[in-house]
């Protein structure tokens, strides 16, 4: 069972605004960087108390059951609270 650490990014932006003649401008205001752990196989699922709002530091978790005889192995990922960064640093 292996765990891999990665990152995901999300651009923070407002709604596009018209600036004339069919042109639009998009105002951005930073980016969010998320640390993500990927599991190729695990039997340990996170609990509700590990999520933001419940005292933990996770914002998402996704699992898919693997087709093994025990029915106890899952593949998935967990996403931690973001840090805010300047979009130019990405």
C-alpha atoms as a PDB file:
ATOM      1  CA  UNK A   1       0.000   0.000   0.000  1.00  0.00           C
ATOM      2  CA  UNK A   2       1.555   3.263  -1.153  1.00  0.00           C
ATOM      3  CA  UNK A   3       0.739   6.910  -0.517  1.00  0.00           C
ATOM      4  CA  UNK A   4       1.736   9.677  -2.892  1.00  0.00           C
ATOM      5  CA  UNK A   5       1.684  13.390  -2.054  1.00  0.00           C
ATOM      6  CA  UNK A   6       0.716  15.871  -4.731  1.00  0.00           C
ATOM      7  CA  UNK A   7      -0.718  19.350  -5.102  1.00  0.00           C
ATOM      8  CA  UNK A   8      -3.752  20.868  -6.779  1.00  0.00           C
ATOM      9  CA  UNK A   9      -4.263  24.531  -7.608  1.00  0.00           C
ATOM     10  CA  UNK A  10      -7.372  26.657  -8.011  1.00  0.00           C
ATOM     11  CA  UNK A  11      -7.326  30.161  -9.460  1.00  0.00           C
ATOM     12  CA  UNK A  12      -9.391  32.656  -7.465  1.00  0.00           C
ATOM     13  CA  UNK A  13     -11.224  35.017  -9.804  1.00  0.00           C
ATOM     14  CA  UNK A  14     -14.296  37.156 -10.157  1.00  0.00           C
ATOM     15  CA  UNK A  15     -16.836  36.957 -12.946  1.00  0.00           C
ATOM     16  CA  UNK A  16     -15.697  38.066 -16.422  1.00  0.00           C
ATOM     17  CA  UNK A  17     -16.555  41.720 -17.110  1.00  0.00           C
ATOM     18  CA  UNK A  18     -17.162  43.179 -20.575  1.00  0.00           C
ATOM     19  CA  UNK A  19     -14.764  45.930 -21.625  1.00  0.00           C
ATOM     20  CA  UNK A  20     -16.298  46.703 -24.990  1.00  0.00           C
ATOM     21  CA  UNK A  21     -16.563  45.262 -28.474  1.00  0.00           C
ATOM     22  CA  UNK A  22     -16.991  41.632 -27.368  1.00  0.00           C
ATOM     23  CA  UNK A  23     -13.905  41.661 -25.138  1.00  0.00           C
ATOM     24  CA  UNK A  24     -13.842  40.514 -21.542  1.00  0.00           C
ATOM     25  CA  UNK A  25     -11.463  40.994 -18.640  1.00  0.00           C
ATOM     26  CA  UNK A  26     -11.066  38.560 -15.751  1.00  0.00           C
ATOM     27  CA  UNK A  27      -9.890  39.913 -12.412  1.00  0.00           C
ATOM     28  CA  UNK A  28      -7.892  37.363 -10.440  1.00  0.00           C
ATOM     29  CA  UNK A  29      -6.932  37.623  -6.812  1.00  0.00           C
ATOM     30  CA  UNK A  30      -4.556  34.850  -5.970  1.00  0.00           C
ATOM     31  CA  UNK A  31      -4.683  31.093  -6.027  1.00  0.00           C
ATOM     32  CA  UNK A  32      -5.333  28.255  -3.612  1.00  0.00           C
ATOM     33  CA  UNK A  33      -2.782  25.468  -3.241  1.00  0.00           C
ATOM     34  CA  UNK A  34      -4.090  22.166  -1.889  1.00  0.00           C
ATOM     35  CA  UNK A  35      -1.914  19.322  -0.614  1.00  0.00           C
ATOM     36  CA  UNK A  36      -3.379  16.007  -1.730  1.00  0.00           C
ATOM     37  CA  UNK A  37      -2.588  12.456  -0.616  1.00  0.00           C
ATOM     38  CA  UNK A  38      -3.316   9.684  -3.136  1.00  0.00           C
ATOM     39  CA  UNK A  39      -3.684   6.070  -1.963  1.00  0.00           C
ATOM     40  CA  UNK A  40      -3.319   3.155  -4.366  1.00  0.00           C
ATOM     41  CA  UNK A  41      -4.762   0.847  -1.686  1.00  0.00           C
ATOM     42  CA  UNK A  42      -5.795   1.532   1.898  1.00  0.00           C
ATOM     43  CA  UNK A  43      -8.075   0.045   4.533  1.00  0.00           C
ATOM     44  CA  UNK A  44      -8.081   3.246   6.602  1.00  0.00           C
ATOM     45  CA  UNK A  45     -10.859   5.732   5.776  1.00  0.00           C
ATOM     46  CA  UNK A  46     -10.903   9.193   7.330  1.00  0.00           C
ATOM     47  CA  UNK A  47     -13.586  10.078   9.877  1.00  0.00           C
ATOM     48  CA  UNK A  48     -15.918  13.070  10.010  1.00  0.00           C
ATOM     49  CA  UNK A  49     -13.911  14.657  12.836  1.00  0.00           C
ATOM     50  CA  UNK A  50     -10.923  15.025  10.470  1.00  0.00           C
ATOM     51  CA  UNK A  51     -12.728  17.575   8.246  1.00  0.00           C
ATOM     52  CA  UNK A  52     -12.651  21.352   8.449  1.00  0.00           C
ATOM     53  CA  UNK A  53     -15.587  22.511  10.535  1.00  0.00           C
ATOM     54  CA  UNK A  54     -15.333  19.408  12.715  1.00  0.00           C
ATOM     55  CA  UNK A  55     -11.900  20.236  14.152  1.00  0.00           C
ATOM     56  CA  UNK A  56      -9.703  18.722  11.428  1.00  0.00           C
ATOM     57  CA  UNK A  57      -7.809  20.015   8.414  1.00  0.00           C
ATOM     58  CA  UNK A  58      -9.371  18.143   5.470  1.00  0.00           C
ATOM     59  CA  UNK A  59     -11.684  19.638   2.839  1.00  0.00           C
ATOM     60  CA  UNK A  60     -12.444  16.511   0.774  1.00  0.00           C
ATOM     61  CA  UNK A  61     -11.969  12.756   0.624  1.00  0.00           C
ATOM     62  CA  UNK A  62     -12.895  10.340  -2.168  1.00  0.00           C
ATOM     63  CA  UNK A  63     -12.610   6.560  -2.110  1.00  0.00           C
ATOM     64  CA  UNK A  64     -13.438   3.712  -4.481  1.00  0.00           C
ATOM     65  CA  UNK A  65     -13.626   0.111  -3.307  1.00  0.00           C
ATOM     66  CA  UNK A  66     -11.063  -2.181  -4.936  1.00  0.00           C
ATOM     67  CA  UNK A  67     -12.244  -5.570  -6.249  1.00  0.00           C
ATOM     68  CA  UNK A  68     -10.491  -7.857  -3.745  1.00  0.00           C
ATOM     69  CA  UNK A  69     -11.899 -10.771  -1.731  1.00  0.00           C
ATOM     70  CA  UNK A  70     -11.901  -8.952   1.614  1.00  0.00           C
ATOM     71  CA  UNK A  71     -13.877  -5.944   0.373  1.00  0.00           C
ATOM     72  CA  UNK A  72     -11.833  -3.775   2.733  1.00  0.00           C
ATOM     73  CA  UNK A  73      -9.385  -2.122   0.344  1.00  0.00           C
ATOM     74  CA  UNK A  74      -9.980   1.276  -1.186  1.00  0.00           C
ATOM     75  CA  UNK A  75      -8.218   3.540  -3.642  1.00  0.00           C
ATOM     76  CA  UNK A  76      -8.655   7.242  -3.093  1.00  0.00           C
ATOM     77  CA  UNK A  77      -7.448  10.674  -2.161  1.00  0.00           C
ATOM     78  CA  UNK A  78      -7.746  13.199   0.642  1.00  0.00           C
ATOM     79  CA  UNK A  79      -7.432  16.971   0.217  1.00  0.00           C
ATOM     80  CA  UNK A  80      -6.109  19.258   2.967  1.00  0.00           C
ATOM     81  CA  UNK A  81      -7.035  22.882   3.750  1.00  0.00           C
ATOM     82  CA  UNK A  82      -5.643  25.242   1.109  1.00  0.00           C
ATOM     83  CA  UNK A  83      -2.923  27.799   1.509  1.00  0.00           C
ATOM     84  CA  UNK A  84      -3.275  31.035  -0.423  1.00  0.00           C
ATOM     85  CA  UNK A  85      -0.513  31.957  -2.882  1.00  0.00           C
ATOM     86  CA  UNK A  86       0.150  34.539  -5.572  1.00  0.00           C
ATOM     87  CA  UNK A  87      -0.920  33.078  -8.923  1.00  0.00           C
ATOM     88  CA  UNK A  88       2.348  34.260 -10.465  1.00  0.00           C
ATOM     89  CA  UNK A  89       4.240  31.792  -8.237  1.00  0.00           C
ATOM     90  CA  UNK A  90       2.564  28.786  -9.874  1.00  0.00           C
END
